[in-house]
Amino acid sequence: MNTKKSILLIVIVLLIDQISKIYIKTNFQLGEEIYVFDWFRIHFIENNGAAWGTELGGRTGKLVLTLFRLCAIVGIGYWLRKSIKEKAHDLLIISVSLIFCGALGNIIDSVFYGVLFTDSYGQLATLDTANAYGDLFHGKVVDMLYFPIWQGNLPEWIPGVGGNYFTFFNAIFNVADSAITIGVMILLFFSKTVFPKK
């Protein structure tokens, strides 16, 4: 896979990610949900950028996380460039391209959304830099894809959690998260192919 194809993949996935996020942010109020199927919903939430919406020490933690991600994407970009230059297996280049554009998609939210959009609490957000909800590097990541495939009480015989209400799959994520996950899964499932022994 050459550089042009890698860039094309990155641009396409990044556009899908950002268009979907901007659409959701400007057409849904925070917490609003629509059913596509019983097992698939569009559910608008925002998080500070850590996995599963984890908070990391307020504004300072958020800034540290964003700066770490910026450094990480430089490293991923270097890995991608090196892989293309060394004519690595196409699956490796595809997976690293997906990880790169997924990380970049969430970085865009974290860095810029706070200074571009108004708040989404109880209202539709608008593109309004004069009344934006945050600061540069303190934006929130938009998530919307929700797949509660099964919900119900767990059987009583399961130790520790028996009888508790449980949802499988409870995470809410976005296209960028999906790209990262797919990229990592390719690396794991095809590790012998993408990392051949020399």
C-alpha atoms as a PDB file:
ATOM      1  CA  MET A   1       0.000   0.000   0.000  1.00  0.00           C
ATOM      2  CA  ASN A   2       1.430   3.364  -0.974  1.00  0.00           C
ATOM      3  CA  THR A   3       1.279   6.787   0.658  1.00  0.00           C
ATOM      4  CA  LYS A   4      -1.596   8.067  -1.505  1.00  0.00           C
ATOM      5  CA  LYS A   5      -3.851   5.130  -0.606  1.00  0.00           C
ATOM      6  CA  SER A   6      -3.005   5.486   3.075  1.00  0.00           C
ATOM      7  CA  ILE A   7      -3.801   9.211   3.016  1.00  0.00           C
ATOM      8  CA  LEU A   8      -7.049   8.523   1.126  1.00  0.00           C
ATOM      9  CA  LEU A   9      -8.108   6.000   3.795  1.00  0.00           C
ATOM     10  CA  ILE A  10      -7.251   8.453   6.579  1.00  0.00           C
ATOM     11  CA  VAL A  11      -9.139  11.321   4.920  1.00  0.00           C
ATOM     12  CA  ILE A  12     -12.266   9.226   4.224  1.00  0.00           C
ATOM     13  CA  VAL A  13     -12.511   7.844   7.764  1.00  0.00           C
ATOM     14  CA  LEU A  14     -11.706  11.247   9.291  1.00  0.00           C
ATOM     15  CA  LEU A  15     -14.413  12.944   7.210  1.00  0.00           C
ATOM     16  CA  ILE A  16     -17.008  10.319   8.210  1.00  0.00           C
ATOM     17  CA  ASP A  17     -15.979  10.758  11.846  1.00  0.00           C
ATOM     18  CA  GLN A  18     -16.120  14.558  11.885  1.00  0.00           C
ATOM     19  CA  ILE A  19     -19.285  14.868   9.768  1.00  0.00           C
ATOM     20  CA  SER A  20     -21.110  12.409  12.039  1.00  0.00           C
ATOM     21  CA  LYS A  21     -19.925  14.207  15.186  1.00  0.00           C
ATOM     22  CA  ILE A  22     -20.836  17.676  13.916  1.00  0.00           C
ATOM     23  CA  TYR A  23     -24.239  16.420  12.750  1.00  0.00           C
ATOM     24  CA  ILE A  24     -24.984  14.813  16.126  1.00  0.00           C
ATOM     25  CA  LYS A  25     -23.697  17.815  18.074  1.00  0.00           C
ATOM     26  CA  THR A  26     -25.820  20.293  16.107  1.00  0.00           C
ATOM     27  CA  ASN A  27     -28.977  18.157  15.816  1.00  0.00           C
ATOM     28  CA  PHE A  28     -29.180  16.369  19.196  1.00  0.00           C
ATOM     29  CA  GLN A  29     -29.326  17.639  22.745  1.00  0.00           C
ATOM     30  CA  LEU A  30     -26.961  15.986  25.195  1.00  0.00           C
ATOM     31  CA  GLY A  31     -28.479  12.662  26.278  1.00  0.00           C
ATOM     32  CA  GLU A  32     -30.956  12.520  23.390  1.00  0.00           C
ATOM     33  CA  GLU A  33     -31.427   9.083  21.879  1.00  0.00           C
ATOM     34  CA  ILE A  34     -33.131   7.564  18.847  1.00  0.00           C
ATOM     35  CA  TYR A  35     -33.742   3.867  18.242  1.00  0.00           C
ATOM     36  CA  VAL A  36     -32.481   2.487  14.946  1.00  0.00           C
ATOM     37  CA  PHE A  37     -33.102  -1.079  16.130  1.00  0.00           C
ATOM     38  CA  ASP A  38     -33.631  -2.485  19.634  1.00  0.00           C
ATOM     39  CA  TRP A  39     -29.940  -3.407  19.673  1.00  0.00           C
ATOM     40  CA  PHE A  40     -28.618  -0.213  18.012  1.00  0.00           C
ATOM     41  CA  ARG A  41     -29.272   3.364  19.057  1.00  0.00           C
ATOM     42  CA  ILE A  42     -27.886   6.802  18.353  1.00  0.00           C
ATOM     43  CA  HIS A  43     -27.285   8.220  21.831  1.00  0.00           C
ATOM     44  CA  PHE A  44     -25.474  11.557  22.164  1.00  0.00           C
ATOM     45  CA  ILE A  45     -22.994  11.886  25.003  1.00  0.00           C
ATOM     46  CA  GLU A  46     -19.755  13.811  25.461  1.00  0.00           C
ATOM     47  CA  ASN A  47     -16.686  12.866  27.447  1.00  0.00           C
ATOM     48  CA  ASN A  48     -13.384  14.447  28.324  1.00  0.00           C
ATOM     49  CA  GLY A  49     -11.500  12.103  26.057  1.00  0.00           C
ATOM     50  CA  ALA A  50     -10.281   9.276  28.270  1.00  0.00           C
ATOM     51  CA  ALA A  51     -11.437   5.712  27.659  1.00  0.00           C
ATOM     52  CA  TRP A  52     -15.032   5.060  28.802  1.00  0.00           C
ATOM     53  CA  GLY A  53     -15.414   8.730  29.779  1.00  0.00           C
ATOM     54  CA  THR A  54     -12.921   8.490  32.640  1.00  0.00           C
ATOM     55  CA  GLU A  55     -12.116  11.778  34.360  1.00  0.00           C
ATOM     56  CA  LEU A  56      -8.433  12.570  34.797  1.00  0.00           C
ATOM     57  CA  GLY A  57      -7.938  15.251  37.427  1.00  0.00           C
ATOM     58  CA  GLY A  58     -10.047  18.101  36.052  1.00  0.00           C
ATOM     59  CA  ARG A  59      -8.671  20.694  33.626  1.00  0.00           C
ATOM     60  CA  THR A  60      -5.021  19.832  34.258  1.00  0.00           C
ATOM     61  CA  GLY A  61      -5.638  16.136  33.661  1.00  0.00           C
ATOM     62  CA  LYS A  62      -7.553  16.951  30.484  1.00  0.00           C
ATOM     63  CA  LEU A  63      -4.688  19.116  29.207  1.00  0.00           C
ATOM     64  CA  VAL A  64      -2.106  16.428  30.036  1.00  0.00           C
ATOM     65  CA  LEU A  65      -4.209  13.799  28.226  1.00  0.00           C
ATOM     66  CA  THR A  66      -4.568  15.979  25.130  1.00  0.00           C
ATOM     67  CA  LEU A  67      -0.835  16.789  25.043  1.00  0.00           C
ATOM     68  CA  PHE A  68      -0.032  13.085  25.467  1.00  0.00           C
ATOM     69  CA  ARG A  69      -2.312  12.252  22.549  1.00  0.00           C
ATOM     70  CA  LEU A  70      -0.619  14.879  20.391  1.00  0.00           C
ATOM     71  CA  CYS A  71       2.766  13.298  21.153  1.00  0.00           C
ATOM     72  CA  ALA A  72       1.368   9.807  20.544  1.00  0.00           C
ATOM     73  CA  ILE A  73      -0.023  10.740  17.145  1.00  0.00           C
ATOM     74  CA  VAL A  74       3.407  12.026  16.104  1.00  0.00           C
ATOM     75  CA  GLY A  75       4.794   8.596  17.001  1.00  0.00           C
ATOM     76  CA  ILE A  76       1.990   6.806  15.139  1.00  0.00           C
ATOM     77  CA  GLY A  77       2.581   9.026  12.121  1.00  0.00           C
ATOM     78  CA  TYR A  78       6.276   8.166  12.185  1.00  0.00           C
ATOM     79  CA  TRP A  79       5.421   4.445  12.406  1.00  0.00           C
ATOM     80  CA  LEU A  80       3.054   4.776   9.449  1.00  0.00           C
ATOM     81  CA  ARG A  81       5.602   6.649   7.324  1.00  0.00           C
ATOM     82  CA  LYS A  82       8.314   4.113   8.184  1.00  0.00           C
ATOM     83  CA  SER A  83       5.996   1.176   7.368  1.00  0.00           C
ATOM     84  CA  ILE A  84       5.137   2.638   3.961  1.00  0.00           C
ATOM     85  CA  LYS A  85       8.769   3.425   3.208  1.00  0.00           C
ATOM     86  CA  GLU A  86       9.840  -0.118   4.122  1.00  0.00           C
ATOM     87  CA  LYS A  87       6.979  -1.577   2.022  1.00  0.00           C
ATOM     88  CA  ALA A  88       5.459  -3.366   5.003  1.00  0.00           C
ATOM     89  CA  HIS A  89       2.467  -5.669   4.574  1.00  0.00           C
ATOM     90  CA  ASP A  90      -0.711  -3.876   3.442  1.00  0.00           C
ATOM     91  CA  LEU A  91      -2.575  -5.031   6.569  1.00  0.00           C
ATOM     92  CA  LEU A  92       0.005  -3.292   8.774  1.00  0.00           C
ATOM     93  CA  ILE A  93      -0.292  -0.043   6.825  1.00  0.00           C
ATOM     94  CA  ILE A  94      -4.106  -0.227   6.864  1.00  0.00           C
ATOM     95  CA  SER A  95      -4.189  -0.884  10.620  1.00  0.00           C
ATOM     96  CA  VAL A  96      -1.734   1.910  11.467  1.00  0.00           C
ATOM     97  CA  SER A  97      -3.634   4.281   9.135  1.00  0.00           C
ATOM     98  CA  LEU A  98      -6.877   3.464  10.982  1.00  0.00           C
ATOM     99  CA  ILE A  99      -5.264   3.971  14.383  1.00  0.00           C
ATOM    100  CA  PHE A 100      -3.751   7.261  13.196  1.00  0.00           C
ATOM    101  CA  CYS A 101      -7.003   8.705  11.813  1.00  0.00           C
ATOM    102  CA  GLY A 102      -8.983   7.484  14.829  1.00  0.00           C
ATOM    103  CA  ALA A 103      -6.587   9.179  17.225  1.00  0.00           C
ATOM    104  CA  LEU A 104      -6.613  12.323  15.083  1.00  0.00           C
ATOM    105  CA  GLY A 105     -10.419  12.387  15.008  1.00  0.00           C
ATOM    106  CA  ASN A 106     -10.672  12.413  18.799  1.00  0.00           C
ATOM    107  CA  ILE A 107      -7.817  14.919  19.101  1.00  0.00           C
ATOM    108  CA  ILE A 108      -9.742  17.339  16.866  1.00  0.00           C
ATOM    109  CA  ASP A 109     -12.671  17.180  19.325  1.00  0.00           C
ATOM    110  CA  SER A 110     -10.409  17.614  22.352  1.00  0.00           C
ATOM    111  CA  VAL A 111      -8.408  20.509  20.930  1.00  0.00           C
ATOM    112  CA  PHE A 112     -10.975  22.508  18.965  1.00  0.00           C
ATOM    113  CA  TYR A 113     -14.597  21.702  19.867  1.00  0.00           C
ATOM    114  CA  GLY A 114     -14.422  23.682  23.114  1.00  0.00           C
ATOM    115  CA  VAL A 115     -13.722  26.908  21.202  1.00  0.00           C
ATOM    116  CA  LEU A 116     -15.996  26.225  18.229  1.00  0.00           C
ATOM    117  CA  PHE A 117     -19.351  25.071  19.676  1.00  0.00           C
ATOM    118  CA  THR A 118     -21.840  26.232  22.258  1.00  0.00           C
ATOM    119  CA  ASP A 119     -22.945  23.922  25.055  1.00  0.00           C
ATOM    120  CA  SER A 120     -25.244  20.941  24.362  1.00  0.00           C
ATOM    121  CA  TYR A 121     -27.000  20.833  27.754  1.00  0.00           C
ATOM    122  CA  GLY A 122     -30.737  21.229  27.145  1.00  0.00           C
ATOM    123  CA  GLN A 123     -30.191  22.769  23.717  1.00  0.00           C
ATOM    124  CA  LEU A 124     -28.762  22.128  20.285  1.00  0.00           C
ATOM    125  CA  ALA A 125     -25.159  23.250  20.004  1.00  0.00           C
ATOM    126  CA  THR A 126     -24.283  25.815  17.370  1.00  0.00           C
ATOM    127  CA  LEU A 127     -21.034  26.825  15.738  1.00  0.00           C
ATOM    128  CA  ASP A 128     -20.439  30.032  17.697  1.00  0.00           C
ATOM    129  CA  THR A 129     -16.900  30.931  18.761  1.00  0.00           C
ATOM    130  CA  ALA A 130     -18.084  33.953  20.759  1.00  0.00           C
ATOM    131  CA  ASN A 131     -20.172  31.779  23.112  1.00  0.00           C
ATOM    132  CA  ALA A 132     -18.202  28.525  22.971  1.00  0.00           C
ATOM    133  CA  TYR A 133     -18.404  26.168  25.951  1.00  0.00           C
ATOM    134  CA  GLY A 134     -14.686  25.729  26.645  1.00  0.00           C
ATOM    135  CA  ASP A 135     -11.104  26.609  25.858  1.00  0.00           C
ATOM    136  CA  LEU A 136      -8.516  25.414  23.380  1.00  0.00           C
ATOM    137  CA  PHE A 137      -7.329  21.899  24.398  1.00  0.00           C
ATOM    138  CA  HIS A 138     -10.374  21.468  26.667  1.00  0.00           C
ATOM    139  CA  GLY A 139     -13.046  20.292  24.233  1.00  0.00           C
ATOM    140  CA  LYS A 140     -15.175  17.215  24.818  1.00  0.00           C
ATOM    141  CA  VAL A 141     -15.235  14.162  22.549  1.00  0.00           C
ATOM    142  CA  VAL A 142     -18.602  13.444  20.901  1.00  0.00           C
ATOM    143  CA  ASP A 143     -19.855   9.844  21.127  1.00  0.00           C
ATOM    144  CA  MET A 144     -23.061   8.460  19.661  1.00  0.00           C
ATOM    145  CA  LEU A 145     -22.915   4.791  18.618  1.00  0.00           C
ATOM    146  CA  TYR A 146     -24.618   2.560  21.185  1.00  0.00           C
ATOM    147  CA  PHE A 147     -25.188  -1.186  20.784  1.00  0.00           C
ATOM    148  CA  PRO A 148     -27.026  -2.553  23.865  1.00  0.00           C
ATOM    149  CA  ILE A 149     -27.247  -6.022  22.331  1.00  0.00           C
ATOM    150  CA  TRP A 150     -28.647  -7.640  25.481  1.00  0.00           C
ATOM    151  CA  GLN A 151     -30.141  -6.177  28.653  1.00  0.00           C
ATOM    152  CA  GLY A 152     -31.544  -8.009  31.638  1.00  0.00           C
ATOM    153  CA  ASN A 153     -30.899  -9.579  35.015  1.00  0.00           C
ATOM    154  CA  LEU A 154     -28.000 -11.998  35.210  1.00  0.00           C
ATOM    155  CA  PRO A 155     -28.767 -15.524  36.457  1.00  0.00           C
ATOM    156  CA  GLU A 156     -28.632 -15.876  40.240  1.00  0.00           C
ATOM    157  CA  TRP A 157     -26.027 -18.662  40.046  1.00  0.00           C
ATOM    158  CA  ILE A 158     -23.279 -16.325  38.727  1.00  0.00           C
ATOM    159  CA  PRO A 159     -20.986 -15.554  41.707  1.00  0.00           C
ATOM    160  CA  GLY A 160     -20.808 -11.917  42.789  1.00  0.00           C
ATOM    161  CA  VAL A 161     -23.039 -10.446  40.080  1.00  0.00           C
ATOM    162  CA  GLY A 162     -25.944 -12.914  39.919  1.00  0.00           C
ATOM    163  CA  GLY A 163     -29.327 -11.174  39.882  1.00  0.00           C
ATOM    164  CA  ASN A 164     -27.817  -7.791  38.920  1.00  0.00           C
ATOM    165  CA  TYR A 165     -29.104  -5.873  35.917  1.00  0.00           C
ATOM    166  CA  PHE A 166     -26.565  -6.004  33.098  1.00  0.00           C
ATOM    167  CA  THR A 167     -26.195  -4.514  29.619  1.00  0.00           C
ATOM    168  CA  PHE A 168     -24.024  -6.082  26.969  1.00  0.00           C
ATOM    169  CA  PHE A 169     -22.509  -4.002  25.185  1.00  0.00           C
ATOM    170  CA  ASN A 170     -22.715  -0.827  27.292  1.00  0.00           C
ATOM    171  CA  ALA A 171     -20.045   1.407  25.734  1.00  0.00           C
ATOM    172  CA  ILE A 172     -21.023   4.442  23.660  1.00  0.00           C
ATOM    173  CA  PHE A 173     -18.404   5.353  21.079  1.00  0.00           C
ATOM    174  CA  ASN A 174     -17.778   7.114  17.750  1.00  0.00           C
ATOM    175  CA  VAL A 175     -16.325   6.416  14.307  1.00  0.00           C
ATOM    176  CA  ALA A 176     -12.810   7.395  15.465  1.00  0.00           C
ATOM    177  CA  ASP A 177     -12.982   4.880  18.328  1.00  0.00           C
ATOM    178  CA  SER A 178     -14.171   2.247  15.851  1.00  0.00           C
ATOM    179  CA  ALA A 179     -11.215   2.961  13.546  1.00  0.00           C
ATOM    180  CA  ILE A 180      -8.756   2.565  16.430  1.00  0.00           C
ATOM    181  CA  THR A 181     -10.425  -0.670  17.556  1.00  0.00           C
ATOM    182  CA  ILE A 182     -10.444  -2.152  14.045  1.00  0.00           C
ATOM    183  CA  GLY A 183      -6.791  -1.168  13.558  1.00  0.00           C
ATOM    184  CA  VAL A 184      -5.755  -2.799  16.826  1.00  0.00           C
ATOM    185  CA  MET A 185      -7.821  -5.932  16.083  1.00  0.00           C
ATOM    186  CA  ILE A 186      -6.099  -6.293  12.712  1.00  0.00           C
ATOM    187  CA  LEU A 187      -2.720  -6.128  14.460  1.00  0.00           C
ATOM    188  CA  LEU A 188      -3.795  -8.745  17.015  1.00  0.00           C
ATOM    189  CA  PHE A 189      -5.540 -11.205  14.717  1.00  0.00           C
ATOM    190  CA  PHE A 190      -3.019 -10.979  11.900  1.00  0.00           C
ATOM    191  CA  SER A 191       0.119 -10.444  13.976  1.00  0.00           C
ATOM    192  CA  LYS A 192       2.036 -13.249  12.261  1.00  0.00           C
ATOM    193  CA  THR A 193       1.247 -11.720   8.875  1.00  0.00           C
ATOM    194  CA  VAL A 194       1.964  -8.078   9.722  1.00  0.00           C
ATOM    195  CA  PHE A 195       5.001  -8.830  11.890  1.00  0.00           C
ATOM    196  CA  PRO A 196       6.715 -11.714  10.046  1.00  0.00           C
ATOM    197  CA  LYS A 197       9.772 -13.277  11.611  1.00  0.00           C
ATOM    198  CA  LYS A 198      12.921 -12.378   9.730  1.00  0.00           C
END
